[in-house]
């Protein structure tokens, strides 16, 4: 259940990236296809739009992969922390630092 939800969240911005170039995005299961319709006379312009779209999708993908890696690292740290605490029977203590005006 979580897999499809994460996929939808992951690809939500992709449609906006493609739409900025006037192209269409078809998504099914784990597949995404970008397409457009054009006349033969407008083919060079369509190729330019498609090329610009591919560049933007590549940029978006590079950024989203960094975000996903950061999220995975955070999850791993939480899991390791939880495992160590349970394994060693340790409890995390929350400590506060109090600032006072007392001069000694």
C-alpha atoms as a PDB file:
ATOM      1  CA  UNK A   1       0.000   0.000   0.000  1.00  0.00           C
ATOM      2  CA  UNK A   2       2.777   2.434   0.851  1.00  0.00           C
ATOM      3  CA  UNK A   3       4.617   1.778  -2.425  1.00  0.00           C
ATOM      4  CA  UNK A   4       1.878   3.168  -4.708  1.00  0.00           C
ATOM      5  CA  UNK A   5       1.360   6.147  -2.411  1.00  0.00           C
ATOM      6  CA  UNK A   6       5.061   7.008  -2.448  1.00  0.00           C
ATOM      7  CA  UNK A   7       5.102   6.621  -6.247  1.00  0.00           C
ATOM      8  CA  UNK A   8       2.239   9.108  -6.613  1.00  0.00           C
ATOM      9  CA  UNK A   9       3.984  11.588  -4.301  1.00  0.00           C
ATOM     10  CA  UNK A  10       7.290  11.045  -6.106  1.00  0.00           C
ATOM     11  CA  UNK A  11       5.843  11.660  -9.578  1.00  0.00           C
ATOM     12  CA  UNK A  12       3.355  14.427  -8.691  1.00  0.00           C
ATOM     13  CA  UNK A  13       5.665  17.227  -9.805  1.00  0.00           C
ATOM     14  CA  UNK A  14       6.686  15.413 -12.988  1.00  0.00           C
ATOM     15  CA  UNK A  15       3.387  16.261 -14.672  1.00  0.00           C
ATOM     16  CA  UNK A  16       3.996  19.969 -14.024  1.00  0.00           C
ATOM     17  CA  UNK A  17       7.516  19.766 -15.468  1.00  0.00           C
ATOM     18  CA  UNK A  18       6.185  18.161 -18.660  1.00  0.00           C
ATOM     19  CA  UNK A  19       3.177  20.513 -18.925  1.00  0.00           C
ATOM     20  CA  UNK A  20       5.456  23.581 -18.906  1.00  0.00           C
ATOM     21  CA  UNK A  21       6.627  22.515 -22.365  1.00  0.00           C
ATOM     22  CA  UNK A  22       3.126  21.927 -23.706  1.00  0.00           C
ATOM     23  CA  UNK A  23       3.634  18.159 -23.761  1.00  0.00           C
ATOM     24  CA  UNK A  24       1.483  15.396 -22.314  1.00  0.00           C
ATOM     25  CA  UNK A  25       2.369  12.774 -19.745  1.00  0.00           C
ATOM     26  CA  UNK A  26       0.858   9.313 -19.596  1.00  0.00           C
ATOM     27  CA  UNK A  27       1.518   7.320 -16.430  1.00  0.00           C
ATOM     28  CA  UNK A  28       0.585   3.707 -15.884  1.00  0.00           C
ATOM     29  CA  UNK A  29       1.829   1.522 -13.024  1.00  0.00           C
ATOM     30  CA  UNK A  30       5.562   2.261 -12.855  1.00  0.00           C
ATOM     31  CA  UNK A  31       5.869   3.656 -16.387  1.00  0.00           C
ATOM     32  CA  UNK A  32       5.807   7.273 -17.592  1.00  0.00           C
ATOM     33  CA  UNK A  33       5.589   8.344 -21.234  1.00  0.00           C
ATOM     34  CA  UNK A  34       5.871  11.872 -22.593  1.00  0.00           C
ATOM     35  CA  UNK A  35       4.228  12.545 -25.922  1.00  0.00           C
ATOM     36  CA  UNK A  36       2.899  15.255 -28.217  1.00  0.00           C
ATOM     37  CA  UNK A  37       1.040  15.615 -31.465  1.00  0.00           C
ATOM     38  CA  UNK A  38       2.298  17.855 -34.221  1.00  0.00           C
ATOM     39  CA  UNK A  39       2.099  18.459 -37.936  1.00  0.00           C
ATOM     40  CA  UNK A  40       5.012  17.687 -40.231  1.00  0.00           C
ATOM     41  CA  UNK A  41       5.617  21.416 -40.728  1.00  0.00           C
ATOM     42  CA  UNK A  42       5.960  21.958 -36.967  1.00  0.00           C
ATOM     43  CA  UNK A  43       8.189  18.909 -36.367  1.00  0.00           C
ATOM     44  CA  UNK A  44      11.412  20.919 -35.787  1.00  0.00           C
ATOM     45  CA  UNK A  45       9.657  23.030 -33.143  1.00  0.00           C
ATOM     46  CA  UNK A  46       8.229  19.878 -31.547  1.00  0.00           C
ATOM     47  CA  UNK A  47      11.702  18.323 -31.381  1.00  0.00           C
ATOM     48  CA  UNK A  48      13.028  21.473 -29.674  1.00  0.00           C
ATOM     49  CA  UNK A  49      10.182  21.432 -27.125  1.00  0.00           C
ATOM     50  CA  UNK A  50      10.687  17.734 -26.478  1.00  0.00           C
ATOM     51  CA  UNK A  51      14.452  18.174 -26.053  1.00  0.00           C
ATOM     52  CA  UNK A  52      13.956  21.035 -23.579  1.00  0.00           C
ATOM     53  CA  UNK A  53      11.448  18.883 -21.691  1.00  0.00           C
ATOM     54  CA  UNK A  54      13.934  15.994 -21.440  1.00  0.00           C
ATOM     55  CA  UNK A  55      16.567  18.378 -20.044  1.00  0.00           C
ATOM     56  CA  UNK A  56      14.104  19.693 -17.419  1.00  0.00           C
ATOM     57  CA  UNK A  57      12.969  16.169 -16.486  1.00  0.00           C
ATOM     58  CA  UNK A  58      16.612  15.159 -16.058  1.00  0.00           C
ATOM     59  CA  UNK A  59      17.214  18.173 -13.779  1.00  0.00           C
ATOM     60  CA  UNK A  60      14.076  17.381 -11.770  1.00  0.00           C
ATOM     61  CA  UNK A  61      15.096  13.742 -11.469  1.00  0.00           C
ATOM     62  CA  UNK A  62      18.549  14.695 -10.189  1.00  0.00           C
ATOM     63  CA  UNK A  63      16.995  16.891  -7.490  1.00  0.00           C
ATOM     64  CA  UNK A  64      14.372  14.341  -6.437  1.00  0.00           C
ATOM     65  CA  UNK A  65      16.979  11.587  -6.144  1.00  0.00           C
ATOM     66  CA  UNK A  66      18.946  13.747  -3.688  1.00  0.00           C
ATOM     67  CA  UNK A  67      15.792  14.287  -1.630  1.00  0.00           C
ATOM     68  CA  UNK A  68      15.028  10.556  -1.652  1.00  0.00           C
ATOM     69  CA  UNK A  69      18.581   9.723  -0.548  1.00  0.00           C
ATOM     70  CA  UNK A  70      18.308  12.187   2.354  1.00  0.00           C
ATOM     71  CA  UNK A  71      14.974  10.663   3.411  1.00  0.00           C
ATOM     72  CA  UNK A  72      16.451   7.150   3.256  1.00  0.00           C
ATOM     73  CA  UNK A  73      19.431   8.228   5.381  1.00  0.00           C
ATOM     74  CA  UNK A  74      17.105   9.747   7.994  1.00  0.00           C
ATOM     75  CA  UNK A  75      15.024   6.561   8.088  1.00  0.00           C
ATOM     76  CA  UNK A  76      18.169   4.432   8.482  1.00  0.00           C
ATOM     77  CA  UNK A  77      19.400   6.627  11.348  1.00  0.00           C
ATOM     78  CA  UNK A  78      16.034   6.325  13.098  1.00  0.00           C
ATOM     79  CA  UNK A  79      16.002   2.541  12.647  1.00  0.00           C
ATOM     80  CA  UNK A  80      19.584   2.155  13.892  1.00  0.00           C
ATOM     81  CA  UNK A  81      18.907   4.422  16.854  1.00  0.00           C
ATOM     82  CA  UNK A  82      15.786   2.455  17.765  1.00  0.00           C
ATOM     83  CA  UNK A  83      17.621  -0.857  17.367  1.00  0.00           C
ATOM     84  CA  UNK A  84      20.555   0.236  19.552  1.00  0.00           C
ATOM     85  CA  UNK A  85      18.254   1.571  22.250  1.00  0.00           C
ATOM     86  CA  UNK A  86      16.273  -1.683  22.334  1.00  0.00           C
ATOM     87  CA  UNK A  87      19.315  -3.914  22.039  1.00  0.00           C
ATOM     88  CA  UNK A  88      21.283  -2.290  24.835  1.00  0.00           C
ATOM     89  CA  UNK A  89      18.262  -1.426  26.954  1.00  0.00           C
ATOM     90  CA  UNK A  90      19.234   2.213  26.952  1.00  0.00           C
ATOM     91  CA  UNK A  91      16.836   5.044  27.332  1.00  0.00           C
ATOM     92  CA  UNK A  92      17.461   8.401  25.822  1.00  0.00           C
ATOM     93  CA  UNK A  93      17.573  11.214  28.330  1.00  0.00           C
ATOM     94  CA  UNK A  94      16.447  14.708  27.469  1.00  0.00           C
ATOM     95  CA  UNK A  95      18.558  17.333  29.153  1.00  0.00           C
ATOM     96  CA  UNK A  96      17.947  21.048  29.363  1.00  0.00           C
ATOM     97  CA  UNK A  97      20.511  23.806  29.809  1.00  0.00           C
ATOM     98  CA  UNK A  98      19.309  26.633  31.983  1.00  0.00           C
ATOM     99  CA  UNK A  99      20.792  30.103  31.681  1.00  0.00           C
ATOM    100  CA  UNK A 100      20.947  32.105  34.880  1.00  0.00           C
ATOM    101  CA  UNK A 101      22.079  35.597  35.836  1.00  0.00           C
ATOM    102  CA  UNK A 102      23.980  34.430  38.933  1.00  0.00           C
ATOM    103  CA  UNK A 103      27.532  35.695  38.936  1.00  0.00           C
ATOM    104  CA  UNK A 104      29.982  33.822  41.129  1.00  0.00           C
END
